[in-house]
Amino acid sequence: MKNFSQKFIRFLITVFCLLTFLELASYITYAIKWRNELAVQWANGNHVILSYNYPWKFNPFAENSGWKERIFKNDGNKRPLAIVGCSFAEGSCLTYKQILGYKLSNLTDRTVYQRGITATGLSYVYYQIKNNLIEKQPAEPEYVIYVFIFDHIHRLYQPHPGFWTSLINIRYEYKNGQLQEVQYKYPIVNAFYFTRLIQEYKTEKYFEKELEDFSLFKHIIAEMMRASKQNYPNTKIVFLEYPQNNDDCTKLAPDVIKFIIDNGYIYIDANELTGKNLGDNEYKVEGEWIHPNEKAWDEVAPKLAKVLNL
């Protein structure tokens, strides 16, 4: 019995050491990856990526997050607007007076609900509409404007690591003829770097397959419109495609755009709308070179208001 106990303890110690080594190796792999990415960013002039002080931050999960302050109220009699999407829609790196919602509110005399959340995408927009999370009082929005970037396709399969399951972790899969929310078992496992490497590998494989037919994307697009007609019958959804960069590979193909339009969305290409190449650094936050700056929204807001007859 004593020998068995000693062998079992040695076995546990060996397993622990192997797992520790594996986790350390995974961490080093992650560190090298990020170092290389930062080196590229540095070479491109993005040398403040780790220390950039954003003048306006928003944590939707904090108790005093200022969620209600992201309603730009206007006393006009027109129906409100809602803006959804990721950090592009949220207005990362900008003050609240520089973002799309504020500018649209001023231009149109409408109340605007700014409901974008950093790191989310199509899955969370569907979740918002499906669960009636966009305000209907004092009136149902006339338009829900979804600011889409191509990375939202990747985020359909990309879980965010951590000990918890949060709103930005919402994902869906098409299973048994319907969309089902992915349930996270043992979320603590997501905090390990080894798990993250496996998840990244799986995400890339799923993403590559998704680019072949946009299957999950199309299922969510169709279901989101059905949910909108049920929960927001008097609201129209605008699909505003915003360029991440100057690469044509990060733009939706004509057949995918046709699918969006055929399902009842108002599709708008931000570049075509403005006549500008919004993927240029001229229209990105200086030093960060990712998110739209105020100049970009100054181009988009008035033209969007005009084309939608706001």
C-alpha atoms as a PDB file:
ATOM      1  CA  MET A   1       0.000   0.000   0.000  1.00  0.00           C
ATOM      2  CA  LYS A   2       2.881   2.304   0.876  1.00  0.00           C
ATOM      3  CA  ASN A   3       4.628   1.595  -2.439  1.00  0.00           C
ATOM      4  CA  PHE A   4       1.404   2.283  -4.326  1.00  0.00           C
ATOM      5  CA  SER A   5       0.981   5.622  -2.547  1.00  0.00           C
ATOM      6  CA  GLN A   6       4.557   6.632  -3.335  1.00  0.00           C
ATOM      7  CA  LYS A   7       4.166   5.666  -6.990  1.00  0.00           C
ATOM      8  CA  PHE A   8       0.881   7.552  -7.215  1.00  0.00           C
ATOM      9  CA  ILE A   9       2.432  10.670  -5.687  1.00  0.00           C
ATOM     10  CA  ARG A  10       5.383  10.436  -8.098  1.00  0.00           C
ATOM     11  CA  PHE A  11       2.889  10.057 -10.956  1.00  0.00           C
ATOM     12  CA  LEU A  12       0.999  13.171  -9.872  1.00  0.00           C
ATOM     13  CA  ILE A  13       4.243  15.142  -9.553  1.00  0.00           C
ATOM     14  CA  THR A  14       5.315  13.993 -13.021  1.00  0.00           C
ATOM     15  CA  VAL A  15       1.968  14.989 -14.530  1.00  0.00           C
ATOM     16  CA  PHE A  16       2.105  18.347 -12.775  1.00  0.00           C
ATOM     17  CA  CYS A  17       5.632  19.001 -14.053  1.00  0.00           C
ATOM     18  CA  LEU A  18       4.659  18.023 -17.603  1.00  0.00           C
ATOM     19  CA  LEU A  19       1.593  20.271 -17.544  1.00  0.00           C
ATOM     20  CA  THR A  20       3.636  23.113 -16.083  1.00  0.00           C
ATOM     21  CA  PHE A  21       6.256  22.683 -18.804  1.00  0.00           C
ATOM     22  CA  LEU A  22       3.553  22.541 -21.463  1.00  0.00           C
ATOM     23  CA  GLU A  23       1.897  25.701 -20.128  1.00  0.00           C
ATOM     24  CA  LEU A  24       5.263  27.490 -19.918  1.00  0.00           C
ATOM     25  CA  ALA A  25       6.120  26.493 -23.492  1.00  0.00           C
ATOM     26  CA  SER A  26       2.698  27.715 -24.637  1.00  0.00           C
ATOM     27  CA  TYR A  27       3.220  31.003 -22.824  1.00  0.00           C
ATOM     28  CA  ILE A  28       6.618  31.479 -24.492  1.00  0.00           C
ATOM     29  CA  THR A  29       5.015  30.725 -27.867  1.00  0.00           C
ATOM     30  CA  TYR A  30       2.408  33.385 -27.162  1.00  0.00           C
ATOM     31  CA  ALA A  31       5.071  35.865 -26.037  1.00  0.00           C
ATOM     32  CA  ILE A  32       7.104  35.330 -29.221  1.00  0.00           C
ATOM     33  CA  LYS A  33       3.992  35.705 -31.343  1.00  0.00           C
ATOM     34  CA  TRP A  34       3.033  38.992 -29.706  1.00  0.00           C
ATOM     35  CA  ARG A  35       6.616  40.251 -29.800  1.00  0.00           C
ATOM     36  CA  ASN A  36       6.720  39.641 -33.547  1.00  0.00           C
ATOM     37  CA  GLU A  37       3.359  41.346 -34.049  1.00  0.00           C
ATOM     38  CA  LEU A  38       4.452  44.318 -31.962  1.00  0.00           C
ATOM     39  CA  ALA A  39       7.666  44.528 -33.978  1.00  0.00           C
ATOM     40  CA  VAL A  40       5.574  44.814 -37.136  1.00  0.00           C
ATOM     41  CA  GLN A  41       3.377  47.425 -35.492  1.00  0.00           C
ATOM     42  CA  TRP A  42       6.474  49.344 -34.382  1.00  0.00           C
ATOM     43  CA  ALA A  43       7.881  49.254 -37.897  1.00  0.00           C
ATOM     44  CA  ASN A  44       4.602  50.714 -39.146  1.00  0.00           C
ATOM     45  CA  GLY A  45       4.770  53.552 -36.646  1.00  0.00           C
ATOM     46  CA  ASN A  46       2.340  51.975 -34.163  1.00  0.00           C
ATOM     47  CA  HIS A  47       4.831  52.210 -31.305  1.00  0.00           C
ATOM     48  CA  VAL A  48       2.314  53.125 -28.603  1.00  0.00           C
ATOM     49  CA  ILE A  49       0.137  50.033 -28.881  1.00  0.00           C
ATOM     50  CA  LEU A  50       0.782  48.925 -25.281  1.00  0.00           C
ATOM     51  CA  SER A  51       0.759  52.307 -23.590  1.00  0.00           C
ATOM     52  CA  TYR A  52      -1.840  54.166 -25.596  1.00  0.00           C
ATOM     53  CA  ASN A  53      -4.023  56.192 -23.222  1.00  0.00           C
ATOM     54  CA  TYR A  54      -7.519  56.203 -24.619  1.00  0.00           C
ATOM     55  CA  PRO A  55      -9.359  59.371 -23.563  1.00  0.00           C
ATOM     56  CA  TRP A  56     -12.671  57.549 -23.310  1.00  0.00           C
ATOM     57  CA  LYS A  57     -13.033  53.995 -22.110  1.00  0.00           C
ATOM     58  CA  PHE A  58     -16.163  51.964 -21.637  1.00  0.00           C
ATOM     59  CA  ASN A  59     -16.523  48.712 -19.744  1.00  0.00           C
ATOM     60  CA  PRO A  60     -20.048  47.371 -20.320  1.00  0.00           C
ATOM     61  CA  PHE A  61     -19.652  44.855 -17.515  1.00  0.00           C
ATOM     62  CA  ALA A  62     -18.782  47.375 -14.782  1.00  0.00           C
ATOM     63  CA  GLU A  63     -21.580  48.408 -12.439  1.00  0.00           C
ATOM     64  CA  ASN A  64     -20.962  52.116 -13.052  1.00  0.00           C
ATOM     65  CA  SER A  65     -20.135  51.714 -16.718  1.00  0.00           C
ATOM     66  CA  GLY A  66     -21.899  54.815 -17.964  1.00  0.00           C
ATOM     67  CA  TRP A  67     -24.177  52.681 -20.156  1.00  0.00           C
ATOM     68  CA  LYS A  68     -27.010  55.185 -19.896  1.00  0.00           C
ATOM     69  CA  GLU A  69     -24.624  58.014 -20.819  1.00  0.00           C
ATOM     70  CA  ARG A  70     -24.211  56.330 -24.194  1.00  0.00           C
ATOM     71  CA  ILE A  71     -27.701  57.454 -25.097  1.00  0.00           C
ATOM     72  CA  PHE A  72     -27.429  60.701 -27.040  1.00  0.00           C
ATOM     73  CA  LYS A  73     -30.797  62.242 -26.263  1.00  0.00           C
ATOM     74  CA  ASN A  74     -32.480  64.726 -28.523  1.00  0.00           C
ATOM     75  CA  ASP A  75     -35.821  66.455 -28.070  1.00  0.00           C
ATOM     76  CA  GLY A  76     -36.788  66.083 -31.715  1.00  0.00           C
ATOM     77  CA  ASN A  77     -39.977  64.214 -32.565  1.00  0.00           C
ATOM     78  CA  LYS A  78     -38.215  61.789 -34.897  1.00  0.00           C
ATOM     79  CA  ARG A  79     -37.815  58.135 -33.998  1.00  0.00           C
ATOM     80  CA  PRO A  80     -34.461  57.123 -32.466  1.00  0.00           C
ATOM     81  CA  LEU A  81     -31.541  55.283 -34.036  1.00  0.00           C
ATOM     82  CA  ALA A  82     -29.385  52.490 -32.625  1.00  0.00           C
ATOM     83  CA  ILE A  83     -25.764  51.742 -33.510  1.00  0.00           C
ATOM     84  CA  VAL A  84     -24.429  48.233 -32.910  1.00  0.00           C
ATOM     85  CA  GLY A  85     -21.200  46.375 -33.619  1.00  0.00           C
ATOM     86  CA  CYS A  86     -17.715  46.217 -32.145  1.00  0.00           C
ATOM     87  CA  SER A  87     -15.170  48.860 -31.112  1.00  0.00           C
ATOM     88  CA  PHE A  88     -15.639  50.625 -34.459  1.00  0.00           C
ATOM     89  CA  ALA A  89     -19.283  51.212 -33.564  1.00  0.00           C
ATOM     90  CA  GLU A  90     -18.443  51.886 -29.929  1.00  0.00           C
ATOM     91  CA  GLY A  91     -15.952  54.616 -30.791  1.00  0.00           C
ATOM     92  CA  SER A  92     -12.754  53.225 -29.291  1.00  0.00           C
ATOM     93  CA  CYS A  93      -9.963  55.752 -28.745  1.00  0.00           C
ATOM     94  CA  LEU A  94     -12.325  58.705 -29.227  1.00  0.00           C
ATOM     95  CA  THR A  95     -14.157  61.085 -26.934  1.00  0.00           C
ATOM     96  CA  TYR A  96     -17.924  60.744 -26.949  1.00  0.00           C
ATOM     97  CA  LYS A  97     -18.341  63.899 -29.052  1.00  0.00           C
ATOM     98  CA  GLN A  98     -16.145  62.407 -31.771  1.00  0.00           C
ATOM     99  CA  ILE A  99     -18.062  59.175 -32.354  1.00  0.00           C
ATOM    100  CA  LEU A 100     -20.713  58.259 -34.893  1.00  0.00           C
ATOM    101  CA  GLY A 101     -23.658  58.222 -32.487  1.00  0.00           C
ATOM    102  CA  TYR A 102     -23.076  61.729 -31.190  1.00  0.00           C
ATOM    103  CA  LYS A 103     -22.628  63.137 -34.687  1.00  0.00           C
ATOM    104  CA  LEU A 104     -25.756  61.447 -36.033  1.00  0.00           C
ATOM    105  CA  SER A 105     -27.770  62.720 -33.092  1.00  0.00           C
ATOM    106  CA  ASN A 106     -26.640  66.289 -33.734  1.00  0.00           C
ATOM    107  CA  LEU A 107     -27.214  66.055 -37.467  1.00  0.00           C
ATOM    108  CA  THR A 108     -30.656  64.451 -37.357  1.00  0.00           C
ATOM    109  CA  ASP A 109     -32.272  65.743 -34.131  1.00  0.00           C
ATOM    110  CA  ARG A 110     -32.751  62.132 -33.062  1.00  0.00           C
ATOM    111  CA  THR A 111     -31.949  60.180 -29.937  1.00  0.00           C
ATOM    112  CA  VAL A 112     -29.201  57.657 -30.701  1.00  0.00           C
ATOM    113  CA  TYR A 113     -28.462  54.519 -28.689  1.00  0.00           C
ATOM    114  CA  GLN A 114     -24.750  53.734 -29.030  1.00  0.00           C
ATOM    115  CA  ARG A 115     -24.741  49.989 -28.351  1.00  0.00           C
ATOM    116  CA  GLY A 116     -21.473  48.755 -29.841  1.00  0.00           C
ATOM    117  CA  ILE A 117     -19.173  46.757 -27.562  1.00  0.00           C
ATOM    118  CA  THR A 118     -15.451  46.196 -28.107  1.00  0.00           C
ATOM    119  CA  ALA A 119     -14.373  42.739 -29.338  1.00  0.00           C
ATOM    120  CA  THR A 120     -17.896  41.641 -30.280  1.00  0.00           C
ATOM    121  CA  GLY A 121     -19.330  41.080 -33.736  1.00  0.00           C
ATOM    122  CA  LEU A 122     -22.264  39.589 -35.594  1.00  0.00           C
ATOM    123  CA  SER A 123     -22.997  36.988 -32.906  1.00  0.00           C
ATOM    124  CA  TYR A 124     -23.540  39.634 -30.245  1.00  0.00           C
ATOM    125  CA  VAL A 125     -25.597  41.864 -32.550  1.00  0.00           C
ATOM    126  CA  TYR A 126     -27.873  38.870 -33.164  1.00  0.00           C
ATOM    127  CA  TYR A 127     -27.988  38.258 -29.395  1.00  0.00           C
ATOM    128  CA  GLN A 128     -29.040  41.888 -28.806  1.00  0.00           C
ATOM    129  CA  ILE A 129     -31.878  41.772 -31.336  1.00  0.00           C
ATOM    130  CA  LYS A 130     -32.998  38.265 -30.390  1.00  0.00           C
ATOM    131  CA  ASN A 131     -33.225  39.203 -26.704  1.00  0.00           C
ATOM    132  CA  ASN A 132     -34.786  42.669 -27.035  1.00  0.00           C
ATOM    133  CA  LEU A 133     -31.726  44.442 -25.648  1.00  0.00           C
ATOM    134  CA  ILE A 134     -32.117  47.540 -27.824  1.00  0.00           C
ATOM    135  CA  GLU A 135     -34.420  50.136 -26.290  1.00  0.00           C
ATOM    136  CA  LYS A 136     -37.985  50.535 -27.575  1.00  0.00           C
ATOM    137  CA  GLN A 137     -38.965  53.476 -25.379  1.00  0.00           C
ATOM    138  CA  PRO A 138     -40.054  56.122 -26.025  1.00  0.00           C
ATOM    139  CA  ALA A 139     -40.211  54.636 -29.527  1.00  0.00           C
ATOM    140  CA  GLU A 140     -38.842  51.692 -31.457  1.00  0.00           C
ATOM    141  CA  PRO A 141     -35.717  52.713 -33.430  1.00  0.00           C
ATOM    142  CA  GLU A 142     -36.362  53.575 -37.041  1.00  0.00           C
ATOM    143  CA  TYR A 143     -32.966  52.148 -37.959  1.00  0.00           C
ATOM    144  CA  VAL A 144     -30.497  49.812 -36.306  1.00  0.00           C
ATOM    145  CA  ILE A 145     -27.128  50.548 -37.911  1.00  0.00           C
ATOM    146  CA  TYR A 146     -24.751  47.590 -37.748  1.00  0.00           C
ATOM    147  CA  VAL A 147     -21.136  48.678 -38.333  1.00  0.00           C
ATOM    148  CA  PHE A 148     -19.582  45.561 -39.866  1.00  0.00           C
ATOM    149  CA  ILE A 149     -15.876  44.879 -40.328  1.00  0.00           C
ATOM    150  CA  PHE A 150     -14.515  41.768 -42.014  1.00  0.00           C
ATOM    151  CA  ASP A 151     -12.949  40.483 -38.797  1.00  0.00           C
ATOM    152  CA  HIS A 152     -16.483  39.773 -37.575  1.00  0.00           C
ATOM    153  CA  ILE A 153     -16.365  36.658 -39.777  1.00  0.00           C
ATOM    154  CA  HIS A 154     -13.344  35.454 -37.822  1.00  0.00           C
ATOM    155  CA  ARG A 155     -15.031  36.297 -34.516  1.00  0.00           C
ATOM    156  CA  LEU A 156     -17.879  33.911 -35.284  1.00  0.00           C
ATOM    157  CA  TYR A 157     -15.500  31.171 -34.141  1.00  0.00           C
ATOM    158  CA  GLN A 158     -13.187  33.033 -31.792  1.00  0.00           C
ATOM    159  CA  PRO A 159     -13.772  32.539 -28.062  1.00  0.00           C
ATOM    160  CA  HIS A 160     -12.155  35.075 -25.763  1.00  0.00           C
ATOM    161  CA  PRO A 161      -9.893  33.525 -23.105  1.00  0.00           C
ATOM    162  CA  GLY A 162     -10.535  33.976 -19.415  1.00  0.00           C
ATOM    163  CA  PHE A 163     -11.920  32.400 -16.278  1.00  0.00           C
ATOM    164  CA  TRP A 164     -15.407  33.635 -17.035  1.00  0.00           C
ATOM    165  CA  THR A 165     -18.011  33.485 -19.751  1.00  0.00           C
ATOM    166  CA  SER A 166     -19.008  37.004 -20.707  1.00  0.00           C
ATOM    167  CA  LEU A 167     -21.114  38.698 -23.348  1.00  0.00           C
ATOM    168  CA  ILE A 168     -18.151  39.011 -25.701  1.00  0.00           C
ATOM    169  CA  ASN A 169     -17.865  35.226 -25.588  1.00  0.00           C
ATOM    170  CA  ILE A 170     -21.296  34.639 -27.100  1.00  0.00           C
ATOM    171  CA  ARG A 171     -21.024  32.328 -30.087  1.00  0.00           C
ATOM    172  CA  TYR A 172     -23.492  30.329 -32.148  1.00  0.00           C
ATOM    173  CA  GLU A 173     -23.374  27.142 -34.176  1.00  0.00           C
ATOM    174  CA  TYR A 174     -25.820  25.742 -36.699  1.00  0.00           C
ATOM    175  CA  LYS A 175     -26.849  22.377 -35.359  1.00  0.00           C
ATOM    176  CA  ASN A 176     -29.846  20.117 -35.923  1.00  0.00           C
ATOM    177  CA  GLY A 177     -31.344  22.593 -38.370  1.00  0.00           C
ATOM    178  CA  GLN A 178     -31.196  25.623 -36.080  1.00  0.00           C
ATOM    179  CA  LEU A 179     -28.864  28.162 -34.521  1.00  0.00           C
ATOM    180  CA  GLN A 180     -27.799  27.215 -31.021  1.00  0.00           C
ATOM    181  CA  GLU A 181     -25.741  29.184 -28.546  1.00  0.00           C
ATOM    182  CA  VAL A 182     -22.396  27.531 -27.829  1.00  0.00           C
ATOM    183  CA  GLN A 183     -22.232  26.458 -24.209  1.00  0.00           C
ATOM    184  CA  TYR A 184     -18.848  26.784 -22.507  1.00  0.00           C
ATOM    185  CA  LYS A 185     -18.000  23.901 -20.212  1.00  0.00           C
ATOM    186  CA  TYR A 186     -15.318  24.419 -17.584  1.00  0.00           C
ATOM    187  CA  PRO A 187     -14.587  28.059 -18.537  1.00  0.00           C
ATOM    188  CA  ILE A 188     -11.551  28.093 -16.209  1.00  0.00           C
ATOM    189  CA  VAL A 189      -9.772  25.968 -18.816  1.00  0.00           C
ATOM    190  CA  ASN A 190      -9.910  28.924 -21.217  1.00  0.00           C
ATOM    191  CA  ALA A 191      -7.435  30.793 -19.022  1.00  0.00           C
ATOM    192  CA  PHE A 192      -4.567  28.425 -19.865  1.00  0.00           C
ATOM    193  CA  TYR A 193      -2.217  29.380 -22.674  1.00  0.00           C
ATOM    194  CA  PHE A 194      -2.102  25.806 -23.964  1.00  0.00           C
ATOM    195  CA  THR A 195      -5.880  25.899 -24.358  1.00  0.00           C
ATOM    196  CA  ARG A 196      -5.646  29.235 -26.145  1.00  0.00           C
ATOM    197  CA  LEU A 197      -3.221  27.806 -28.688  1.00  0.00           C
ATOM    198  CA  ILE A 198      -5.592  24.923 -29.398  1.00  0.00           C
ATOM    199  CA  GLN A 199      -8.522  27.333 -29.672  1.00  0.00           C
ATOM    200  CA  GLU A 200      -6.599  29.568 -32.058  1.00  0.00           C
ATOM    201  CA  TYR A 201      -5.728  26.604 -34.259  1.00  0.00           C
ATOM    202  CA  LYS A 202      -9.371  25.465 -34.343  1.00  0.00           C
ATOM    203  CA  THR A 203     -10.587  29.035 -34.960  1.00  0.00           C
ATOM    204  CA  GLU A 204      -8.317  29.406 -37.986  1.00  0.00           C
ATOM    205  CA  LYS A 205      -9.523  26.098 -39.438  1.00  0.00           C
ATOM    206  CA  TYR A 206     -13.175  27.043 -38.946  1.00  0.00           C
ATOM    207  CA  PHE A 207     -12.484  30.503 -40.385  1.00  0.00           C
ATOM    208  CA  GLU A 208     -10.860  29.054 -43.508  1.00  0.00           C
ATOM    209  CA  LYS A 209     -13.860  26.807 -44.038  1.00  0.00           C
ATOM    210  CA  GLU A 210     -16.293  29.681 -43.407  1.00  0.00           C
ATOM    211  CA  LEU A 211     -14.657  31.706 -46.175  1.00  0.00           C
ATOM    212  CA  GLU A 212     -15.602  28.981 -48.647  1.00  0.00           C
ATOM    213  CA  ASP A 213     -19.361  29.434 -48.322  1.00  0.00           C
ATOM    214  CA  PHE A 214     -20.064  31.867 -45.409  1.00  0.00           C
ATOM    215  CA  SER A 215     -22.452  29.240 -44.072  1.00  0.00           C
ATOM    216  CA  LEU A 216     -22.670  30.287 -40.412  1.00  0.00           C
ATOM    217  CA  PHE A 217     -22.612  33.974 -41.352  1.00  0.00           C
ATOM    218  CA  LYS A 218     -25.621  33.464 -43.644  1.00  0.00           C
ATOM    219  CA  HIS A 219     -27.545  31.477 -41.038  1.00  0.00           C
ATOM    220  CA  ILE A 220     -27.080  34.251 -38.471  1.00  0.00           C
ATOM    221  CA  ILE A 221     -27.946  36.972 -40.994  1.00  0.00           C
ATOM    222  CA  ALA A 222     -31.194  35.179 -41.877  1.00  0.00           C
ATOM    223  CA  GLU A 223     -32.127  34.432 -38.257  1.00  0.00           C
ATOM    224  CA  MET A 224     -31.303  37.975 -37.141  1.00  0.00           C
ATOM    225  CA  MET A 225     -33.730  39.403 -39.670  1.00  0.00           C
ATOM    226  CA  ARG A 226     -36.427  36.981 -38.507  1.00  0.00           C
ATOM    227  CA  ALA A 227     -35.804  38.018 -34.894  1.00  0.00           C
ATOM    228  CA  SER A 228     -35.904  41.677 -35.902  1.00  0.00           C
ATOM    229  CA  LYS A 229     -39.268  41.305 -37.639  1.00  0.00           C
ATOM    230  CA  GLN A 230     -40.641  39.669 -34.505  1.00  0.00           C
ATOM    231  CA  ASN A 231     -39.128  41.965 -31.853  1.00  0.00           C
ATOM    232  CA  TYR A 232     -38.695  45.189 -33.851  1.00  0.00           C
ATOM    233  CA  PRO A 233     -41.329  45.020 -36.607  1.00  0.00           C
ATOM    234  CA  ASN A 234     -41.080  48.726 -37.406  1.00  0.00           C
ATOM    235  CA  THR A 235     -37.281  48.870 -37.493  1.00  0.00           C
ATOM    236  CA  LYS A 236     -35.043  48.604 -40.547  1.00  0.00           C
ATOM    237  CA  ILE A 237     -31.512  47.212 -40.226  1.00  0.00           C
ATOM    238  CA  VAL A 238     -28.648  48.928 -41.995  1.00  0.00           C
ATOM    239  CA  PHE A 239     -25.619  46.758 -42.758  1.00  0.00           C
ATOM    240  CA  LEU A 240     -22.781  49.313 -42.943  1.00  0.00           C
ATOM    241  CA  GLU A 241     -19.615  47.625 -44.215  1.00  0.00           C
ATOM    242  CA  TYR A 242     -16.592  49.550 -42.954  1.00  0.00           C
ATOM    243  CA  PRO A 243     -13.071  48.834 -44.324  1.00  0.00           C
ATOM    244  CA  GLN A 244     -10.412  47.672 -41.897  1.00  0.00           C
ATOM    245  CA  ASN A 245      -7.620  48.466 -44.357  1.00  0.00           C
ATOM    246  CA  ASN A 246      -6.919  48.838 -48.063  1.00  0.00           C
ATOM    247  CA  ASP A 247      -6.985  45.100 -48.739  1.00  0.00           C
ATOM    248  CA  ASP A 248      -9.764  43.936 -51.074  1.00  0.00           C
ATOM    249  CA  CYS A 249      -9.553  40.526 -49.383  1.00  0.00           C
ATOM    250  CA  THR A 250     -11.236  42.057 -46.347  1.00  0.00           C
ATOM    251  CA  LYS A 251     -14.335  43.085 -48.264  1.00  0.00           C
ATOM    252  CA  LEU A 252     -17.447  40.984 -48.686  1.00  0.00           C
ATOM    253  CA  ALA A 253     -17.901  39.329 -52.085  1.00  0.00           C
ATOM    254  CA  PRO A 254     -20.811  40.391 -54.356  1.00  0.00           C
ATOM    255  CA  ASP A 255     -22.732  37.128 -53.804  1.00  0.00           C
ATOM    256  CA  VAL A 256     -22.560  37.587 -50.014  1.00  0.00           C
ATOM    257  CA  ILE A 257     -23.720  41.202 -50.338  1.00  0.00           C
ATOM    258  CA  LYS A 258     -26.623  40.004 -52.505  1.00  0.00           C
ATOM    259  CA  PHE A 259     -27.583  37.511 -49.782  1.00  0.00           C
ATOM    260  CA  ILE A 260     -27.624  40.330 -47.219  1.00  0.00           C
ATOM    261  CA  ILE A 261     -29.823  42.516 -49.416  1.00  0.00           C
ATOM    262  CA  ASP A 262     -32.143  39.614 -50.328  1.00  0.00           C
ATOM    263  CA  ASN A 263     -32.758  39.054 -46.617  1.00  0.00           C
ATOM    264  CA  GLY A 264     -34.121  42.552 -46.165  1.00  0.00           C
ATOM    265  CA  TYR A 265     -31.098  44.542 -44.988  1.00  0.00           C
ATOM    266  CA  ILE A 266     -30.116  47.958 -46.300  1.00  0.00           C
ATOM    267  CA  TYR A 267     -26.529  47.354 -47.404  1.00  0.00           C
ATOM    268  CA  ILE A 268     -24.162  50.346 -47.505  1.00  0.00           C
ATOM    269  CA  ASP A 269     -20.455  50.309 -48.360  1.00  0.00           C
ATOM    270  CA  ALA A 270     -18.785  53.055 -46.320  1.00  0.00           C
ATOM    271  CA  ASN A 271     -16.168  53.738 -48.998  1.00  0.00           C
ATOM    272  CA  GLU A 272     -18.769  54.052 -51.732  1.00  0.00           C
ATOM    273  CA  LEU A 273     -20.962  56.156 -49.455  1.00  0.00           C
ATOM    274  CA  THR A 274     -18.235  58.713 -48.771  1.00  0.00           C
ATOM    275  CA  GLY A 275     -16.196  58.480 -51.964  1.00  0.00           C
ATOM    276  CA  LYS A 276     -13.156  58.123 -49.695  1.00  0.00           C
ATOM    277  CA  ASN A 277     -10.804  55.273 -48.912  1.00  0.00           C
ATOM    278  CA  LEU A 278     -11.550  55.006 -45.202  1.00  0.00           C
ATOM    279  CA  GLY A 279      -8.964  52.239 -44.861  1.00  0.00           C
ATOM    280  CA  ASP A 280      -6.175  54.815 -45.268  1.00  0.00           C
ATOM    281  CA  ASN A 281      -4.283  55.918 -42.164  1.00  0.00           C
ATOM    282  CA  GLU A 282      -5.655  59.404 -42.765  1.00  0.00           C
ATOM    283  CA  TYR A 283      -8.959  58.129 -41.370  1.00  0.00           C
ATOM    284  CA  LYS A 284      -7.537  56.103 -38.463  1.00  0.00           C
ATOM    285  CA  VAL A 285      -6.600  57.058 -34.912  1.00  0.00           C
ATOM    286  CA  GLU A 286      -3.041  58.378 -35.025  1.00  0.00           C
ATOM    287  CA  GLY A 287      -0.473  56.100 -33.388  1.00  0.00           C
ATOM    288  CA  GLU A 288      -2.984  53.283 -33.077  1.00  0.00           C
ATOM    289  CA  TRP A 289      -3.792  52.973 -36.815  1.00  0.00           C
ATOM    290  CA  ILE A 290      -6.738  50.606 -36.391  1.00  0.00           C
ATOM    291  CA  HIS A 291      -9.950  52.358 -35.405  1.00  0.00           C
ATOM    292  CA  PRO A 292     -11.730  55.184 -37.245  1.00  0.00           C
ATOM    293  CA  ASN A 293     -10.845  58.680 -36.133  1.00  0.00           C
ATOM    294  CA  GLU A 294     -13.165  61.677 -35.937  1.00  0.00           C
ATOM    295  CA  LYS A 295     -12.371  62.647 -39.518  1.00  0.00           C
ATOM    296  CA  ALA A 296     -13.751  59.299 -40.699  1.00  0.00           C
ATOM    297  CA  TRP A 297     -17.052  59.785 -38.874  1.00  0.00           C
ATOM    298  CA  ASP A 298     -17.243  63.370 -40.142  1.00  0.00           C
ATOM    299  CA  GLU A 299     -17.254  61.847 -43.618  1.00  0.00           C
ATOM    300  CA  VAL A 300     -19.702  59.039 -42.840  1.00  0.00           C
ATOM    301  CA  ALA A 301     -22.301  60.716 -40.604  1.00  0.00           C
ATOM    302  CA  PRO A 302     -23.715  63.407 -42.943  1.00  0.00           C
ATOM    303  CA  LYS A 303     -23.762  61.140 -45.979  1.00  0.00           C
ATOM    304  CA  LEU A 304     -25.395  58.337 -44.003  1.00  0.00           C
ATOM    305  CA  ALA A 305     -28.019  60.775 -42.740  1.00  0.00           C
ATOM    306  CA  LYS A 306     -28.692  61.884 -46.300  1.00  0.00           C
ATOM    307  CA  VAL A 307     -28.938  58.443 -47.905  1.00  0.00           C
ATOM    308  CA  LEU A 308     -31.279  57.204 -45.139  1.00  0.00           C
ATOM    309  CA  ASN A 309     -33.284  60.422 -45.248  1.00  0.00           C
ATOM    310  CA  LEU A 310     -32.792  60.986 -41.551  1.00  0.00           C
END
